[in-house]
C-alpha cells in the first residue's frame, strides 16, 4: 500500500485501515492502555522511525520559534510523518493491546500531517505532533 493511499485511508476512515492492517484486531479497544502499569516495549522499527520523526519535529519547531520556518520545512515534516508511520505500520510486530495504543498515536500524527498542508492550521499541527510524541513516550519505552 502506497504511503499516500495509507494516509488517505487513515484520515478518512480509521476503522477501514484497522481491517486492512496485517494482524487481527478482534476486541480492539481504542483507549490507550499501559502494559500492566508499565510502558510497552518498542521494537527497533518503531524506535528508529519515532526518533526520526521526533528529530525532524524538533528542527522544525526550533525554526518556528525563531520565526525562520519556511513552507518547505512543514512539507518535509509532513513527509517524515508519512514515511515514519508507513514504515511502522508495514513492520508492526506489537501485541494487540500495544498495537491498539500505538494506533491512537499514529492516528493523531496523521491528523497533524493533514493540518501541516494548510498554512492556517500549521500551529495546530505542531501542537498535535508535540502531544502525539509525548503520548508515545508516556506509553512506550
N, C-alpha and C. Protein backbone atom coordinates (compact mmCIF):
# COMPACT_ATOMS: atom_id res chain seq x y z
N UNK A 1 0.85 -1.18 0.00
CA UNK A 1 0.00 0.00 0.00
C UNK A 1 0.89 1.24 0.00
N UNK A 2 0.67 2.14 -0.92
CA UNK A 2 1.49 3.34 -1.01
C UNK A 2 1.19 4.28 0.15
N UNK A 3 2.20 5.06 0.54
CA UNK A 3 2.07 5.95 1.70
C UNK A 3 0.92 6.94 1.52
N UNK A 4 0.76 7.51 0.33
CA UNK A 4 -0.32 8.47 0.10
C UNK A 4 -1.69 7.85 0.30
N UNK A 5 -1.86 6.66 -0.20
CA UNK A 5 -3.12 5.95 -0.04
C UNK A 5 -3.34 5.62 1.44
N UNK A 6 -2.28 5.20 2.11
CA UNK A 6 -2.37 4.88 3.53
C UNK A 6 -2.82 6.09 4.33
N UNK A 7 -2.25 7.25 4.04
CA UNK A 7 -2.63 8.47 4.74
C UNK A 7 -4.08 8.80 4.50
N UNK A 8 -4.52 8.69 3.25
CA UNK A 8 -5.90 8.99 2.91
C UNK A 8 -6.84 8.04 3.64
N UNK A 9 -6.54 6.77 3.64
CA UNK A 9 -7.38 5.80 4.32
C UNK A 9 -7.45 6.10 5.81
N UNK A 10 -6.31 6.37 6.40
CA UNK A 10 -6.29 6.65 7.84
C UNK A 10 -7.04 7.93 8.17
N UNK A 11 -6.86 8.94 7.34
CA UNK A 11 -7.50 10.22 7.62
C UNK A 11 -9.01 10.13 7.46
N UNK A 12 -9.48 9.37 6.49
CA UNK A 12 -10.90 9.30 6.21
C UNK A 12 -11.64 8.23 6.99
N UNK A 13 -10.97 7.12 7.26
CA UNK A 13 -11.69 6.03 7.89
C UNK A 13 -10.74 5.14 8.66
N UNK A 14 -10.53 5.45 9.91
CA UNK A 14 -9.59 4.70 10.75
C UNK A 14 -10.02 3.23 10.85
N UNK A 15 -11.29 2.96 10.92
CA UNK A 15 -11.78 1.59 11.04
C UNK A 15 -11.43 0.75 9.82
N UNK A 16 -11.56 1.33 8.65
CA UNK A 16 -11.22 0.59 7.43
C UNK A 16 -9.74 0.23 7.43
N UNK A 17 -8.89 1.14 7.89
CA UNK A 17 -7.46 0.86 7.97
C UNK A 17 -7.22 -0.32 8.92
N UNK A 18 -7.89 -0.31 10.05
CA UNK A 18 -7.67 -1.37 11.03
C UNK A 18 -8.00 -2.73 10.43
N UNK A 19 -9.02 -2.77 9.59
CA UNK A 19 -9.39 -4.03 8.95
C UNK A 19 -8.29 -4.52 8.00
N UNK A 20 -7.61 -3.59 7.32
CA UNK A 20 -6.59 -3.96 6.35
C UNK A 20 -5.25 -4.27 7.01
N UNK A 21 -5.06 -3.84 8.23
CA UNK A 21 -3.78 -4.00 8.92
C UNK A 21 -3.43 -5.48 8.98
N UNK A 22 -2.16 -5.77 9.07
CA UNK A 22 -1.67 -7.13 8.86
C UNK A 22 -1.99 -8.14 9.94
N UNK A 23 -2.55 -7.74 11.06
CA UNK A 23 -2.91 -8.72 12.06
C UNK A 23 -4.27 -8.40 12.67
N UNK A 24 -4.82 -9.33 13.37
CA UNK A 24 -6.18 -9.25 13.87
C UNK A 24 -6.36 -8.16 14.91
N UNK A 25 -7.53 -7.55 14.87
CA UNK A 25 -7.88 -6.54 15.86
C UNK A 25 -9.20 -6.90 16.55
N UNK A 26 -9.48 -8.17 16.66
CA UNK A 26 -10.70 -8.57 17.33
C UNK A 26 -10.69 -8.08 18.76
N UNK A 27 -11.80 -7.50 19.17
CA UNK A 27 -11.89 -6.99 20.53
C UNK A 27 -11.04 -5.74 20.73
N UNK A 28 -10.66 -5.09 19.65
CA UNK A 28 -9.78 -3.93 19.70
C UNK A 28 -10.43 -2.79 20.47
N UNK A 29 -9.69 -2.24 21.41
CA UNK A 29 -10.15 -1.12 22.22
C UNK A 29 -9.34 0.10 21.80
N UNK A 30 -10.01 1.21 21.49
CA UNK A 30 -9.29 2.39 21.02
C UNK A 30 -8.72 3.22 22.15
N UNK A 31 -8.92 2.81 23.39
CA UNK A 31 -8.32 3.52 24.50
C UNK A 31 -6.85 3.14 24.63
N UNK A 32 -6.08 4.11 25.08
CA UNK A 32 -4.66 3.83 25.28
C UNK A 32 -4.50 3.19 26.66
N UNK A 33 -3.74 2.10 26.69
CA UNK A 33 -3.52 1.39 27.95
C UNK A 33 -2.04 1.07 28.10
N UNK A 34 -1.62 1.03 29.34
CA UNK A 34 -0.26 0.60 29.65
C UNK A 34 -0.22 -0.91 29.78
N UNK A 35 0.95 -1.45 29.81
CA UNK A 35 1.17 -2.88 29.95
C UNK A 35 1.24 -3.21 31.45
N UNK A 36 0.10 -3.42 32.05
CA UNK A 36 0.01 -3.68 33.49
C UNK A 36 0.75 -2.59 34.28
N UNK A 37 0.48 -1.34 33.90
CA UNK A 37 1.06 -0.20 34.60
C UNK A 37 2.44 0.21 34.11
N UNK A 38 2.99 -0.53 33.17
CA UNK A 38 4.32 -0.23 32.64
C UNK A 38 4.22 0.16 31.17
N UNK A 39 5.26 0.82 30.68
CA UNK A 39 5.30 1.17 29.26
C UNK A 39 5.47 -0.08 28.41
N UNK A 40 4.92 -0.03 27.18
CA UNK A 40 5.09 -1.11 26.23
C UNK A 40 6.50 -1.06 25.65
N UNK A 41 7.03 -2.23 25.33
CA UNK A 41 8.33 -2.31 24.66
C UNK A 41 8.15 -1.88 23.20
N UNK A 42 9.07 -1.08 22.72
CA UNK A 42 9.07 -0.69 21.31
C UNK A 42 10.02 -1.61 20.55
N UNK A 43 9.62 -2.01 19.36
CA UNK A 43 10.55 -2.77 18.54
C UNK A 43 11.49 -1.80 17.82
N UNK A 44 12.50 -2.32 17.16
CA UNK A 44 13.52 -1.47 16.54
C UNK A 44 12.94 -0.54 15.48
N UNK A 45 12.04 -1.03 14.65
CA UNK A 45 11.43 -0.21 13.61
C UNK A 45 10.68 0.96 14.22
N UNK A 46 9.94 0.70 15.28
CA UNK A 46 9.19 1.74 15.95
C UNK A 46 10.14 2.79 16.55
N UNK A 47 11.17 2.33 17.23
CA UNK A 47 12.13 3.25 17.85
C UNK A 47 12.80 4.14 16.81
N UNK A 48 13.30 3.53 15.74
CA UNK A 48 14.04 4.27 14.72
C UNK A 48 13.14 5.31 14.04
N UNK A 49 11.93 4.90 13.69
CA UNK A 49 11.04 5.81 12.98
C UNK A 49 10.48 6.91 13.86
N UNK A 50 10.18 6.60 15.10
CA UNK A 50 9.72 7.66 16.01
C UNK A 50 10.86 8.63 16.33
N UNK A 51 12.08 8.12 16.43
CA UNK A 51 13.23 9.00 16.69
C UNK A 51 13.46 9.93 15.49
N UNK A 52 13.33 9.42 14.28
CA UNK A 52 13.49 10.25 13.08
C UNK A 52 12.40 11.32 13.02
N UNK A 53 11.19 10.93 13.34
CA UNK A 53 10.09 11.88 13.34
C UNK A 53 10.31 12.96 14.40
N UNK A 54 10.74 12.54 15.57
CA UNK A 54 10.98 13.49 16.66
C UNK A 54 12.12 14.45 16.31
N UNK A 55 13.15 13.94 15.67
CA UNK A 55 14.27 14.79 15.27
C UNK A 55 13.82 15.84 14.26
N UNK A 56 13.02 15.43 13.27
CA UNK A 56 12.52 16.38 12.27
C UNK A 56 11.59 17.39 12.93
N UNK A 57 10.72 16.93 13.84
CA UNK A 57 9.83 17.86 14.55
C UNK A 57 10.64 18.88 15.34
N UNK A 58 11.65 18.43 16.06
CA UNK A 58 12.47 19.34 16.86
C UNK A 58 13.12 20.42 15.99
N UNK A 59 13.62 20.03 14.83
CA UNK A 59 14.28 21.01 13.97
C UNK A 59 13.27 22.03 13.43
N UNK A 60 12.09 21.58 13.02
CA UNK A 60 11.07 22.49 12.52
C UNK A 60 10.54 23.38 13.65
N UNK A 61 10.37 22.80 14.82
CA UNK A 61 9.87 23.58 15.96
C UNK A 61 10.86 24.69 16.33
N UNK A 62 12.14 24.39 16.29
CA UNK A 62 13.16 25.42 16.58
C UNK A 62 13.11 26.54 15.54
N UNK A 63 12.95 26.18 14.29
CA UNK A 63 12.81 27.19 13.23
C UNK A 63 11.55 28.03 13.45
N UNK A 64 10.48 27.38 13.86
CA UNK A 64 9.22 28.08 14.13
C UNK A 64 9.42 29.09 15.26
N UNK A 65 10.07 28.65 16.33
CA UNK A 65 10.28 29.54 17.48
C UNK A 65 11.14 30.74 17.14
N UNK A 66 12.06 30.59 16.20
CA UNK A 66 12.94 31.70 15.81
C UNK A 66 12.39 32.43 14.58
N UNK A 67 11.17 32.09 14.19
CA UNK A 67 10.49 32.72 13.05
C UNK A 67 11.27 32.56 11.74
N UNK A 68 11.96 31.43 11.61
CA UNK A 68 12.73 31.14 10.39
C UNK A 68 12.16 29.96 9.61
N UNK A 69 11.02 29.45 10.04
CA UNK A 69 10.44 28.29 9.39
C UNK A 69 9.86 28.68 8.03
N UNK A 70 10.03 27.79 7.06
CA UNK A 70 9.54 28.01 5.70
C UNK A 70 8.50 26.95 5.38
N UNK A 71 7.75 27.20 4.35
CA UNK A 71 6.74 26.24 3.90
C UNK A 71 7.38 24.89 3.60
N UNK A 72 8.57 24.92 3.04
CA UNK A 72 9.27 23.66 2.70
C UNK A 72 9.61 22.85 3.95
N UNK A 73 9.82 23.53 5.08
CA UNK A 73 10.11 22.82 6.34
C UNK A 73 8.87 22.04 6.80
N UNK A 74 7.71 22.66 6.67
CA UNK A 74 6.47 21.96 7.02
C UNK A 74 6.24 20.77 6.09
N UNK A 75 6.55 20.95 4.81
CA UNK A 75 6.38 19.85 3.85
C UNK A 75 7.30 18.68 4.19
N UNK A 76 8.54 18.99 4.59
CA UNK A 76 9.48 17.92 4.96
C UNK A 76 9.01 17.21 6.23
N UNK A 77 8.44 17.96 7.17
CA UNK A 77 7.91 17.34 8.38
C UNK A 77 6.72 16.44 8.04
N UNK A 78 5.84 16.91 7.19
CA UNK A 78 4.70 16.09 6.76
C UNK A 78 5.17 14.82 6.07
N UNK A 79 6.19 14.95 5.23
CA UNK A 79 6.74 13.77 4.55
C UNK A 79 7.33 12.80 5.57
N UNK A 80 8.03 13.32 6.58
CA UNK A 80 8.61 12.45 7.60
C UNK A 80 7.52 11.70 8.36
N UNK A 81 6.43 12.37 8.66
CA UNK A 81 5.31 11.70 9.34
C UNK A 81 4.80 10.56 8.46
N UNK A 82 4.59 10.84 7.18
CA UNK A 82 4.10 9.81 6.27
C UNK A 82 5.06 8.65 6.15
N UNK A 83 6.34 8.96 5.97
CA UNK A 83 7.35 7.90 5.82
C UNK A 83 7.45 7.06 7.09
N UNK A 84 7.51 7.73 8.24
CA UNK A 84 7.67 7.01 9.51
C UNK A 84 6.46 6.15 9.83
N UNK A 85 5.26 6.73 9.71
CA UNK A 85 4.07 5.95 10.04
C UNK A 85 3.90 4.78 9.08
N UNK A 86 4.24 4.98 7.82
CA UNK A 86 4.14 3.90 6.84
C UNK A 86 5.07 2.74 7.22
N UNK A 87 6.30 3.05 7.58
CA UNK A 87 7.25 2.00 7.97
C UNK A 87 6.82 1.30 9.25
N UNK A 88 6.31 2.08 10.20
CA UNK A 88 5.86 1.50 11.47
C UNK A 88 4.72 0.51 11.22
N UNK A 89 3.74 0.93 10.45
CA UNK A 89 2.58 0.07 10.18
C UNK A 89 3.00 -1.16 9.36
N UNK A 90 3.82 -0.94 8.36
CA UNK A 90 4.27 -2.02 7.48
C UNK A 90 5.01 -3.11 8.25
N UNK A 91 5.75 -2.72 9.29
CA UNK A 91 6.60 -3.66 10.01
C UNK A 91 6.12 -3.94 11.44
N UNK A 92 4.87 -3.66 11.71
CA UNK A 92 4.33 -3.79 13.07
C UNK A 92 4.37 -5.23 13.56
N UNK A 93 4.94 -5.40 14.76
CA UNK A 93 5.00 -6.72 15.38
C UNK A 93 4.56 -6.65 16.85
N UNK A 94 3.80 -5.62 17.18
CA UNK A 94 3.36 -5.44 18.57
C UNK A 94 2.18 -6.35 18.89
N UNK A 95 2.05 -6.67 20.16
CA UNK A 95 0.89 -7.44 20.58
C UNK A 95 -0.35 -6.54 20.49
N UNK A 96 -1.55 -7.13 20.43
CA UNK A 96 -2.76 -6.36 20.14
C UNK A 96 -3.01 -5.13 21.03
N UNK A 97 -2.82 -5.22 22.33
CA UNK A 97 -3.07 -4.06 23.18
C UNK A 97 -2.06 -2.95 22.95
N UNK A 98 -0.82 -3.30 22.75
CA UNK A 98 0.21 -2.30 22.44
C UNK A 98 -0.06 -1.69 21.07
N UNK A 99 -0.46 -2.53 20.14
CA UNK A 99 -0.77 -2.09 18.78
C UNK A 99 -1.93 -1.09 18.79
N UNK A 100 -2.99 -1.40 19.54
CA UNK A 100 -4.14 -0.50 19.63
C UNK A 100 -3.74 0.83 20.24
N UNK A 101 -2.88 0.79 21.23
CA UNK A 101 -2.39 2.01 21.86
C UNK A 101 -1.58 2.82 20.85
N UNK A 102 -0.73 2.16 20.11
CA UNK A 102 0.09 2.84 19.11
C UNK A 102 -0.78 3.45 18.01
N UNK A 103 -1.84 2.78 17.64
CA UNK A 103 -2.73 3.29 16.59
C UNK A 103 -3.31 4.65 16.97
N UNK A 104 -3.56 4.87 18.23
CA UNK A 104 -4.06 6.18 18.67
C UNK A 104 -3.01 7.25 18.38
N UNK A 105 -1.77 6.96 18.73
CA UNK A 105 -0.66 7.90 18.48
C UNK A 105 -0.51 8.15 16.98
N UNK A 106 -0.50 7.09 16.20
CA UNK A 106 -0.33 7.23 14.75
C UNK A 106 -1.49 8.00 14.13
N UNK A 107 -2.70 7.76 14.60
CA UNK A 107 -3.86 8.49 14.10
C UNK A 107 -3.73 9.98 14.34
N UNK A 108 -3.25 10.35 15.52
CA UNK A 108 -3.05 11.76 15.85
C UNK A 108 -1.94 12.37 14.98
N UNK A 109 -0.89 11.62 14.73
CA UNK A 109 0.19 12.10 13.87
C UNK A 109 -0.30 12.32 12.45
N UNK A 110 -1.11 11.41 11.95
CA UNK A 110 -1.61 11.54 10.59
C UNK A 110 -2.61 12.69 10.46
N UNK A 111 -3.37 12.97 11.52
CA UNK A 111 -4.24 14.14 11.52
C UNK A 111 -3.39 15.41 11.47
N UNK A 112 -2.30 15.42 12.22
CA UNK A 112 -1.39 16.57 12.21
C UNK A 112 -0.76 16.73 10.83
N UNK A 113 -0.44 15.62 10.19
CA UNK A 113 0.15 15.68 8.85
C UNK A 113 -0.80 16.40 7.90
N UNK A 114 -2.08 16.11 7.98
CA UNK A 114 -3.07 16.79 7.15
C UNK A 114 -3.10 18.28 7.47
N UNK A 115 -3.04 18.63 8.75
CA UNK A 115 -3.07 20.03 9.15
C UNK A 115 -1.83 20.80 8.69
N UNK A 116 -0.71 20.12 8.53
CA UNK A 116 0.50 20.78 8.04
C UNK A 116 0.34 21.30 6.61
N UNK A 117 -0.58 20.72 5.88
CA UNK A 117 -0.81 21.13 4.49
C UNK A 117 -1.54 22.46 4.38
N UNK A 118 -2.19 22.85 5.46
CA UNK A 118 -2.97 24.09 5.47
C UNK A 118 -2.22 25.15 6.28
N UNK A 119 -1.74 26.22 5.62
CA UNK A 119 -0.97 27.24 6.35
C UNK A 119 -1.68 27.80 7.58
N UNK A 120 -3.00 27.80 7.57
CA UNK A 120 -3.75 28.33 8.71
C UNK A 120 -3.82 27.34 9.87
N UNK A 121 -3.44 26.09 9.64
CA UNK A 121 -3.52 25.06 10.68
C UNK A 121 -2.17 24.54 11.12
N UNK A 122 -1.10 25.15 10.68
CA UNK A 122 0.23 24.63 10.97
C UNK A 122 0.60 24.73 12.44
N UNK A 123 0.17 25.77 13.11
CA UNK A 123 0.44 25.89 14.54
C UNK A 123 -0.29 24.79 15.29
N UNK A 124 -1.51 24.54 14.90
CA UNK A 124 -2.29 23.44 15.49
C UNK A 124 -1.57 22.12 15.23
N UNK A 125 -1.06 21.94 14.02
CA UNK A 125 -0.35 20.71 13.66
C UNK A 125 0.88 20.51 14.53
N UNK A 126 1.65 21.56 14.75
CA UNK A 126 2.83 21.44 15.61
C UNK A 126 2.44 21.03 17.02
N UNK A 127 1.37 21.59 17.52
CA UNK A 127 0.87 21.22 18.85
C UNK A 127 0.43 19.75 18.87
N UNK A 128 -0.26 19.32 17.82
CA UNK A 128 -0.72 17.92 17.73
C UNK A 128 0.46 16.95 17.68
N UNK A 129 1.48 17.31 16.93
CA UNK A 129 2.66 16.45 16.84
C UNK A 129 3.35 16.36 18.19
N UNK A 130 3.51 17.50 18.84
CA UNK A 130 4.13 17.53 20.17
C UNK A 130 3.36 16.64 21.15
N UNK A 131 2.04 16.77 21.15
CA UNK A 131 1.19 15.95 22.03
C UNK A 131 1.31 14.47 21.68
N UNK A 132 1.37 14.16 20.40
CA UNK A 132 1.49 12.77 19.97
C UNK A 132 2.81 12.16 20.42
N UNK A 133 3.88 12.92 20.28
CA UNK A 133 5.19 12.42 20.72
C UNK A 133 5.22 12.24 22.23
N UNK A 134 4.59 13.14 22.96
CA UNK A 134 4.51 12.97 24.41
C UNK A 134 3.73 11.71 24.78
N UNK A 135 2.63 11.46 24.07
CA UNK A 135 1.86 10.24 24.31
C UNK A 135 2.70 9.00 24.02
N UNK A 136 3.42 9.04 22.92
CA UNK A 136 4.28 7.92 22.58
C UNK A 136 5.24 7.63 23.73
N UNK A 137 5.90 8.66 24.25
CA UNK A 137 6.87 8.47 25.33
C UNK A 137 6.19 8.07 26.65
N UNK A 138 4.95 8.45 26.81
CA UNK A 138 4.21 8.07 28.01
C UNK A 138 3.84 6.58 28.02
N UNK A 139 3.61 6.03 26.82
CA UNK A 139 3.13 4.65 26.71
C UNK A 139 4.15 3.64 26.18
N UNK A 140 5.25 4.12 25.61
CA UNK A 140 6.23 3.21 25.01
C UNK A 140 7.64 3.54 25.48
N UNK A 141 8.45 2.47 25.64
CA UNK A 141 9.85 2.66 26.02
C UNK A 141 10.68 2.98 24.80
